Amino acid sequence: VAFQMAAMYLGAAAGSAAGSALLDGGTDAGDLPAWSAA
C-alpha cells in the first residue's frame, strides 16, 4: 500500500504538471479528457 499510494500521489502531481504543460502549449482545456482517455 505504501508503494501504491506513493505512486498514485506522484501520478497526480505529474498529471497536474502535464495538464499545465499541455495548456501552455496551446491545447484547449476541453481536449484534456481525450488525453486522459489515452
PDB file of all heavy atoms in Angstrom:
ATOM      1  N   VAL A   1       0.836  -1.208   0.000  1.00  0.00           N
ATOM      2  CA  VAL A   1       0.000   0.000   0.000  1.00  0.00           C
ATOM      3  C   VAL A   1       0.867   1.252   0.000  1.00  0.00           C
ATOM      4  O   VAL A   1       0.534   2.259  -0.647  1.00  0.00           O
ATOM      5  CB  VAL A   1      -0.954  -0.019   1.210  1.00  0.00           C
ATOM      6  CG1 VAL A   1      -1.668   1.326   1.365  1.00  0.00           C
ATOM      7  CG2 VAL A   1      -1.984  -1.138   1.053  1.00  0.00           C
ATOM      8  N   ALA A   2       1.993   1.206   0.717  1.00  0.00           N
ATOM      9  CA  ALA A   2       2.891   2.367   0.727  1.00  0.00           C
ATOM     10  C   ALA A   2       3.381   2.683  -0.677  1.00  0.00           C
ATOM     11  O   ALA A   2       3.370   3.844  -1.111  1.00  0.00           O
ATOM     12  CB  ALA A   2       4.074   2.093   1.658  1.00  0.00           C
ATOM     13  N   PHE A   3       3.818   1.659  -1.416  1.00  0.00           N
ATOM     14  CA  PHE A   3       4.271   1.882  -2.792  1.00  0.00           C
ATOM     15  C   PHE A   3       3.117   2.339  -3.684  1.00  0.00           C
ATOM     16  O   PHE A   3       3.277   3.250  -4.508  1.00  0.00           O
ATOM     17  CB  PHE A   3       4.893   0.599  -3.355  1.00  0.00           C
ATOM     18  CG  PHE A   3       6.295   0.346  -2.897  1.00  0.00           C
ATOM     19  CD1 PHE A   3       6.580  -0.718  -2.057  1.00  0.00           C
ATOM     20  CD2 PHE A   3       7.341   1.175  -3.289  1.00  0.00           C
ATOM     21  CE1 PHE A   3       7.879  -0.958  -1.621  1.00  0.00           C
ATOM     22  CE2 PHE A   3       8.638   0.952  -2.861  1.00  0.00           C
ATOM     23  CZ  PHE A   3       8.912  -0.122  -2.024  1.00  0.00           C
ATOM     24  N   GLN A   4       1.960   1.714  -3.518  1.00  0.00           N
ATOM     25  CA  GLN A   4       0.815   2.058  -4.372  1.00  0.00           C
ATOM     26  C   GLN A   4       0.379   3.507  -4.180  1.00  0.00           C
ATOM     27  O   GLN A   4       0.182   4.247  -5.141  1.00  0.00           O
ATOM     28  CB  GLN A   4      -0.365   1.127  -4.074  1.00  0.00           C
ATOM     29  CG  GLN A   4      -1.628   1.470  -4.863  1.00  0.00           C
ATOM     30  CD  GLN A   4      -2.894   1.185  -4.077  1.00  0.00           C
ATOM     31  OE1 GLN A   4      -2.849   0.841  -2.896  1.00  0.00           O
ATOM     32  NE2 GLN A   4      -4.038   1.332  -4.711  1.00  0.00           N
ATOM     33  N   MET A   5       0.216   3.921  -2.915  1.00  0.00           N
ATOM     34  CA  MET A   5      -0.273   5.273  -2.662  1.00  0.00           C
ATOM     35  C   MET A   5       0.781   6.322  -3.017  1.00  0.00           C
ATOM     36  O   MET A   5       0.446   7.415  -3.492  1.00  0.00           O
ATOM     37  CB  MET A   5      -0.688   5.403  -1.199  1.00  0.00           C
ATOM     38  CG  MET A   5      -1.855   4.502  -0.809  1.00  0.00           C
ATOM     39  SD  MET A   5      -3.348   4.785  -1.801  1.00  0.00           S
ATOM     40  CE  MET A   5      -3.855   6.399  -1.190  1.00  0.00           C
ATOM     41  N   ALA A   6       2.054   5.992  -2.794  1.00  0.00           N
ATOM     42  CA  ALA A   6       3.109   6.915  -3.216  1.00  0.00           C
ATOM     43  C   ALA A   6       3.063   7.113  -4.723  1.00  0.00           C
ATOM     44  O   ALA A   6       3.165   8.245  -5.220  1.00  0.00           O
ATOM     45  CB  ALA A   6       4.474   6.378  -2.793  1.00  0.00           C
ATOM     46  N   ALA A   7       2.889   6.013  -5.466  1.00  0.00           N
ATOM     47  CA  ALA A   7       2.812   6.112  -6.920  1.00  0.00           C
ATOM     48  C   ALA A   7       1.593   6.906  -7.355  1.00  0.00           C
ATOM     49  O   ALA A   7       1.649   7.702  -8.306  1.00  0.00           O
ATOM     50  CB  ALA A   7       2.782   4.714  -7.529  1.00  0.00           C
ATOM     51  N   MET A   8       0.472   6.718  -6.655  1.00  0.00           N
ATOM     52  CA  MET A   8      -0.751   7.430  -7.033  1.00  0.00           C
ATOM     53  C   MET A   8      -0.600   8.943  -6.839  1.00  0.00           C
ATOM     54  O   MET A   8      -0.969   9.739  -7.705  1.00  0.00           O
ATOM     55  CB  MET A   8      -1.931   6.920  -6.218  1.00  0.00           C
ATOM     56  CG  MET A   8      -3.288   7.443  -6.693  1.00  0.00           C
ATOM     57  SD  MET A   8      -4.663   6.858  -5.696  1.00  0.00           S
ATOM     58  CE  MET A   8      -4.539   7.978  -4.283  1.00  0.00           C
ATOM     59  N   TYR A   9      -0.033   9.343  -5.707  1.00  0.00           N
ATOM     60  CA  TYR A   9       0.132  10.773  -5.458  1.00  0.00           C
ATOM     61  C   TYR A   9       1.183  11.385  -6.395  1.00  0.00           C
ATOM     62  O   TYR A   9       1.033  12.532  -6.845  1.00  0.00           O
ATOM     63  CB  TYR A   9       0.498  11.017  -3.999  1.00  0.00           C
ATOM     64  CG  TYR A   9      -0.708  11.068  -3.091  1.00  0.00           C
ATOM     65  CD1 TYR A   9      -1.015  10.009  -2.253  1.00  0.00           C
ATOM     66  CD2 TYR A   9      -1.565  12.163  -3.091  1.00  0.00           C
ATOM     67  CE1 TYR A   9      -2.129  10.042  -1.423  1.00  0.00           C
ATOM     68  CE2 TYR A   9      -2.674  12.210  -2.273  1.00  0.00           C
ATOM     69  CZ  TYR A   9      -2.956  11.143  -1.436  1.00  0.00           C
ATOM     70  OH  TYR A   9      -4.067  11.182  -0.630  1.00  0.00           O
ATOM     71  N   LEU A  10       2.240  10.634  -6.689  1.00  0.00           N
ATOM     72  CA  LEU A  10       3.208  11.127  -7.662  1.00  0.00           C
ATOM     73  C   LEU A  10       2.570  11.240  -9.039  1.00  0.00           C
ATOM     74  O   LEU A  10       2.844  12.194  -9.788  1.00  0.00           O
ATOM     75  CB  LEU A  10       4.411  10.185  -7.714  1.00  0.00           C
ATOM     76  CG  LEU A  10       5.367  10.241  -6.522  1.00  0.00           C
ATOM     77  CD1 LEU A  10       6.447   9.163  -6.662  1.00  0.00           C
ATOM     78  CD2 LEU A  10       6.011  11.620  -6.409  1.00  0.00           C
ATOM     79  N   GLY A  11       1.721  10.272  -9.382  1.00  0.00           N
ATOM     80  CA  GLY A  11       0.998  10.354 -10.649  1.00  0.00           C
ATOM     81  C   GLY A  11       0.089  11.570 -10.714  1.00  0.00           C
ATOM     82  O   GLY A  11      -0.009  12.233 -11.751  1.00  0.00           O
ATOM     83  N   ALA A  12      -0.577  11.867  -9.586  1.00  0.00           N
ATOM     84  CA  ALA A  12      -1.439  13.045  -9.554  1.00  0.00           C
ATOM     85  C   ALA A  12      -0.643  14.322  -9.781  1.00  0.00           C
ATOM     86  O   ALA A  12      -1.064  15.216 -10.535  1.00  0.00           O
ATOM     87  CB  ALA A  12      -2.165  13.113  -8.215  1.00  0.00           C
ATOM     88  N   ALA A  13       0.533  14.416  -9.134  1.00  0.00           N
ATOM     89  CA  ALA A  13       1.381  15.594  -9.330  1.00  0.00           C
ATOM     90  C   ALA A  13       1.858  15.677 -10.771  1.00  0.00           C
ATOM     91  O   ALA A  13       1.873  16.761 -11.379  1.00  0.00           O
ATOM     92  CB  ALA A  13       2.562  15.537  -8.375  1.00  0.00           C
ATOM     93  N   ALA A  14       2.255  14.527 -11.341  1.00  0.00           N
ATOM     94  CA  ALA A  14       2.710  14.518 -12.734  1.00  0.00           C
ATOM     95  C   ALA A  14       1.572  14.856 -13.687  1.00  0.00           C
ATOM     96  O   ALA A  14       1.771  15.558 -14.688  1.00  0.00           O
ATOM     97  CB  ALA A  14       3.296  13.143 -13.077  1.00  0.00           C
ATOM     98  N   GLY A  15       0.371  14.379 -13.377  1.00  0.00           N
ATOM     99  CA  GLY A  15      -0.779  14.691 -14.228  1.00  0.00           C
ATOM    100  C   GLY A  15      -1.124  16.161 -14.215  1.00  0.00           C
ATOM    101  O   GLY A  15      -1.456  16.750 -15.251  1.00  0.00           O
ATOM    102  N   SER A  16      -1.033  16.759 -13.034  1.00  0.00           N
ATOM    103  CA  SER A  16      -1.288  18.198 -12.938  1.00  0.00           C
ATOM    104  C   SER A  16      -0.253  18.983 -13.736  1.00  0.00           C
ATOM    105  O   SER A  16      -0.579  19.938 -14.460  1.00  0.00           O
ATOM    106  CB  SER A  16      -1.270  18.620 -11.473  1.00  0.00           C
ATOM    107  OG  SER A  16      -1.481  20.004 -11.340  1.00  0.00           O
ATOM    108  N   ALA A  17       1.019  18.568 -13.623  1.00  0.00           N
ATOM    109  CA  ALA A  17       2.078  19.247 -14.374  1.00  0.00           C
ATOM    110  C   ALA A  17       1.915  19.034 -15.874  1.00  0.00           C
ATOM    111  O   ALA A  17       2.115  19.961 -16.675  1.00  0.00           O
ATOM    112  CB  ALA A  17       3.439  18.727 -13.917  1.00  0.00           C
ATOM    113  N   ALA A  18       1.528  17.813 -16.269  1.00  0.00           N
ATOM    114  CA  ALA A  18       1.328  17.534 -17.699  1.00  0.00           C
ATOM    115  C   ALA A  18       0.176  18.357 -18.261  1.00  0.00           C
ATOM    116  O   ALA A  18       0.258  18.885 -19.385  1.00  0.00           O
ATOM    117  CB  ALA A  18       1.067  16.042 -17.900  1.00  0.00           C
ATOM    118  N   GLY A  19      -0.900  18.486 -17.492  1.00  0.00           N
ATOM    119  CA  GLY A  19      -2.023  19.309 -17.946  1.00  0.00           C
ATOM    120  C   GLY A  19      -1.619  20.759 -18.117  1.00  0.00           C
ATOM    121  O   GLY A  19      -2.013  21.413 -19.091  1.00  0.00           O
ATOM    122  N   SER A  20      -0.818  21.257 -17.176  1.00  0.00           N
ATOM    123  CA  SER A  20      -0.338  22.635 -17.292  1.00  0.00           C
ATOM    124  C   SER A  20       0.511  22.813 -18.542  1.00  0.00           C
ATOM    125  O   SER A  20       0.386  23.813 -19.269  1.00  0.00           O
ATOM    126  CB  SER A  20       0.463  22.998 -16.048  1.00  0.00           C
ATOM    127  OG  SER A  20       0.995  24.301 -16.139  1.00  0.00           O
ATOM    128  N   ALA A  21       1.381  21.824 -18.820  1.00  0.00           N
ATOM    129  CA  ALA A  21       2.236  21.911 -19.998  1.00  0.00           C
ATOM    130  C   ALA A  21       1.412  21.871 -21.286  1.00  0.00           C
ATOM    131  O   ALA A  21       1.702  22.609 -22.250  1.00  0.00           O
ATOM    132  CB  ALA A  21       3.250  20.765 -19.989  1.00  0.00           C
ATOM    133  N   LEU A  22       0.375  21.033 -21.309  1.00  0.00           N
ATOM    134  CA  LEU A  22      -0.483  20.964 -22.495  1.00  0.00           C
ATOM    135  C   LEU A  22      -1.209  22.284 -22.724  1.00  0.00           C
ATOM    136  O   LEU A  22      -1.297  22.772 -23.855  1.00  0.00           O
ATOM    137  CB  LEU A  22      -1.493  19.827 -22.349  1.00  0.00           C
ATOM    138  CG  LEU A  22      -0.935  18.398 -22.497  1.00  0.00           C
ATOM    139  CD1 LEU A  22      -1.993  17.377 -22.081  1.00  0.00           C
ATOM    140  CD2 LEU A  22      -0.501  18.153 -23.947  1.00  0.00           C
ATOM    141  N   LEU A  23      -1.724  22.861 -21.650  1.00  0.00           N
ATOM    142  CA  LEU A  23      -2.448  24.135 -21.790  1.00  0.00           C
ATOM    143  C   LEU A  23      -1.499  25.248 -22.222  1.00  0.00           C
ATOM    144  O   LEU A  23      -1.853  26.084 -23.066  1.00  0.00           O
ATOM    145  CB  LEU A  23      -3.124  24.487 -20.466  1.00  0.00           C
ATOM    146  CG  LEU A  23      -4.263  23.559 -20.023  1.00  0.00           C
ATOM    147  CD1 LEU A  23      -4.819  24.013 -18.678  1.00  0.00           C
ATOM    148  CD2 LEU A  23      -5.370  23.508 -21.064  1.00  0.00           C
ATOM    149  N   ASP A  24      -0.283  25.265 -21.650  1.00  0.00           N
ATOM    150  CA  ASP A  24       0.695  26.272 -22.051  1.00  0.00           C
ATOM    151  C   ASP A  24       1.122  26.099 -23.500  1.00  0.00           C
ATOM    152  O   ASP A  24       1.498  27.070 -24.168  1.00  0.00           O
ATOM    153  CB  ASP A  24       1.932  26.192 -21.143  1.00  0.00           C
ATOM    154  CG  ASP A  24       1.651  26.684 -19.736  1.00  0.00           C
ATOM    155  OD1 ASP A  24       0.632  27.385 -19.552  1.00  0.00           O
ATOM    156  OD2 ASP A  24       2.430  26.357 -18.818  1.00  0.00           O
ATOM    157  N   GLY A  25       1.052  24.847 -23.996  1.00  0.00           N
ATOM    158  CA  GLY A  25       1.422  24.576 -25.378  1.00  0.00           C
ATOM    159  C   GLY A  25       0.320  24.845 -26.377  1.00  0.00           C
ATOM    160  O   GLY A  25       0.511  24.593 -27.576  1.00  0.00           O
ATOM    161  N   GLY A  26      -0.824  25.307 -25.905  1.00  0.00           N
ATOM    162  CA  GLY A  26      -1.910  25.658 -26.818  1.00  0.00           C
ATOM    163  C   GLY A  26      -3.053  24.672 -26.871  1.00  0.00           C
ATOM    164  O   GLY A  26      -4.028  24.890 -27.598  1.00  0.00           O
ATOM    165  N   THR A  27      -2.994  23.584 -26.105  1.00  0.00           N
ATOM    166  CA  THR A  27      -4.099  22.624 -26.081  1.00  0.00           C
ATOM    167  C   THR A  27      -5.310  23.244 -25.413  1.00  0.00           C
ATOM    168  O   THR A  27      -5.198  23.907 -24.374  1.00  0.00           O
ATOM    169  CB  THR A  27      -3.694  21.349 -25.320  1.00  0.00           C
ATOM    170  OG1 THR A  27      -2.569  20.759 -25.968  1.00  0.00           O
ATOM    171  CG2 THR A  27      -4.839  20.347 -25.264  1.00  0.00           C
ATOM    172  N   ASP A  28      -6.476  23.061 -26.005  1.00  0.00           N
ATOM    173  CA  ASP A  28      -7.710  23.563 -25.414  1.00  0.00           C
ATOM    174  C   ASP A  28      -8.058  22.716 -24.190  1.00  0.00           C
ATOM    175  O   ASP A  28      -7.914  21.493 -24.209  1.00  0.00           O
ATOM    176  CB  ASP A  28      -8.843  23.490 -26.432  1.00  0.00           C
ATOM    177  CG  ASP A  28     -10.112  24.154 -25.911  1.00  0.00           C
ATOM    178  OD1 ASP A  28     -10.262  25.379 -26.076  1.00  0.00           O
ATOM    179  OD2 ASP A  28     -10.949  23.433 -25.338  1.00  0.00           O
ATOM    180  N   ALA A  29      -8.532  23.376 -23.116  1.00  0.00           N
ATOM    181  CA  ALA A  29      -8.861  22.645 -21.897  1.00  0.00           C
ATOM    182  C   ALA A  29      -9.931  21.588 -22.146  1.00  0.00           C
ATOM    183  O   ALA A  29      -9.940  20.535 -21.501  1.00  0.00           O
ATOM    184  CB  ALA A  29      -9.326  23.614 -20.809  1.00  0.00           C
ATOM    185  N   GLY A  30     -10.816  21.832 -23.094  1.00  0.00           N
ATOM    186  CA  GLY A  30     -11.850  20.860 -23.404  1.00  0.00           C
ATOM    187  C   GLY A  30     -11.318  19.592 -24.031  1.00  0.00           C
ATOM    188  O   GLY A  30     -12.032  18.574 -24.093  1.00  0.00           O
ATOM    189  N   ASP A  31     -10.071  19.609 -24.494  1.00  0.00           N
ATOM    190  CA  ASP A  31      -9.467  18.415 -25.100  1.00  0.00           C
ATOM    191  C   ASP A  31      -8.701  17.558 -24.100  1.00  0.00           C
ATOM    192  O   ASP A  31      -8.213  16.474 -24.450  1.00  0.00           O
ATOM    193  CB  ASP A  31      -8.505  18.831 -26.228  1.00  0.00           C
ATOM    194  CG  ASP A  31      -9.235  19.476 -27.392  1.00  0.00           C
ATOM    195  OD1 ASP A  31     -10.410  19.150 -27.595  1.00  0.00           O
ATOM    196  OD2 ASP A  31      -8.617  20.314 -28.084  1.00  0.00           O
ATOM    197  N   LEU A  32      -8.588  18.009 -22.862  1.00  0.00           N
ATOM    198  CA  LEU A  32      -7.828  17.245 -21.871  1.00  0.00           C
ATOM    199  C   LEU A  32      -8.417  15.847 -21.599  1.00  0.00           C
ATOM    200  O   LEU A  32      -7.661  14.895 -21.385  1.00  0.00           O
ATOM    201  CB  LEU A  32      -7.718  18.037 -20.567  1.00  0.00           C
ATOM    202  CG  LEU A  32      -6.847  19.299 -20.613  1.00  0.00           C
ATOM    203  CD1 LEU A  32      -6.846  19.996 -19.252  1.00  0.00           C
ATOM    204  CD2 LEU A  32      -5.417  18.952 -21.026  1.00  0.00           C
ATOM    205  N   PRO A  33      -9.761  15.681 -21.579  1.00  0.00           N
ATOM    206  CA  PRO A  33     -10.286  14.322 -21.374  1.00  0.00           C
ATOM    207  C   PRO A  33      -9.813  13.320 -22.419  1.00  0.00           C
ATOM    208  O   PRO A  33      -9.654  12.131 -22.107  1.00  0.00           O
ATOM    209  CB  PRO A  33     -11.810  14.513 -21.435  1.00  0.00           C
ATOM    210  CG  PRO A  33     -12.023  15.918 -21.005  1.00  0.00           C
ATOM    211  CD  PRO A  33     -10.857  16.680 -21.573  1.00  0.00           C
ATOM    212  N   ALA A  34      -9.591  13.775 -23.658  1.00  0.00           N
ATOM    213  CA  ALA A  34      -9.103  12.857 -24.691  1.00  0.00           C
ATOM    214  C   ALA A  34      -7.706  12.365 -24.348  1.00  0.00           C
ATOM    215  O   ALA A  34      -7.376  11.184 -24.568  1.00  0.00           O
ATOM    216  CB  ALA A  34      -9.105  13.552 -26.051  1.00  0.00           C
ATOM    217  N   TRP A  35      -6.861  13.243 -23.801  1.00  0.00           N
ATOM    218  CA  TRP A  35      -5.529  12.823 -23.374  1.00  0.00           C
ATOM    219  C   TRP A  35      -5.626  11.831 -22.211  1.00  0.00           C
ATOM    220  O   TRP A  35      -4.889  10.837 -22.170  1.00  0.00           O
ATOM    221  CB  TRP A  35      -4.704  14.042 -22.959  1.00  0.00           C
ATOM    222  CG  TRP A  35      -4.255  14.882 -24.112  1.00  0.00           C
ATOM    223  CD1 TRP A  35      -4.919  15.929 -24.678  1.00  0.00           C
ATOM    224  CD2 TRP A  35      -3.036  14.728 -24.853  1.00  0.00           C
ATOM    225  NE1 TRP A  35      -4.197  16.451 -25.724  1.00  0.00           N
ATOM    226  CE2 TRP A  35      -3.040  15.733 -25.858  1.00  0.00           C
ATOM    227  CE3 TRP A  35      -1.963  13.866 -24.762  1.00  0.00           C
ATOM    228  CZ2 TRP A  35      -1.995  15.876 -26.762  1.00  0.00           C
ATOM    229  CZ3 TRP A  35      -0.917  14.001 -25.663  1.00  0.00           C
ATOM    230  CH2 TRP A  35      -0.941  15.000 -26.650  1.00  0.00           C
ATOM    231  N   SER A  36      -6.542  12.084 -21.281  1.00  0.00           N
ATOM    232  CA  SER A  36      -6.716  11.150 -20.171  1.00  0.00           C
ATOM    233  C   SER A  36      -7.269   9.810 -20.654  1.00  0.00           C
ATOM    234  O   SER A  36      -6.955   8.760 -20.080  1.00  0.00           O
ATOM    235  CB  SER A  36      -7.652  11.745 -19.117  1.00  0.00           C
ATOM    236  OG  SER A  36      -6.982  12.728 -18.355  1.00  0.00           O
ATOM    237  N   ALA A  37      -8.098   9.839 -21.707  1.00  0.00           N
ATOM    238  CA  ALA A  37      -8.628   8.589 -22.252  1.00  0.00           C
ATOM    239  C   ALA A  37      -7.504   7.709 -22.785  1.00  0.00           C
ATOM    240  O   ALA A  37      -7.540   6.474 -22.656  1.00  0.00           O
ATOM    241  CB  ALA A  37      -9.654   8.877 -23.343  1.00  0.00           C
ATOM    242  N   ALA A  38      -6.487   8.341 -23.381  1.00  0.00           N
ATOM    243  CA  ALA A  38      -5.339   7.559 -23.855  1.00  0.00           C
ATOM    244  C   ALA A  38      -4.642   6.876 -22.678  1.00  0.00           C
ATOM    245  O   ALA A  38      -4.284   5.692 -22.746  1.00  0.00           O
ATOM    246  CB  ALA A  38      -4.368   8.469 -24.597  1.00  0.00           C
TER     247      ALA A  38
END
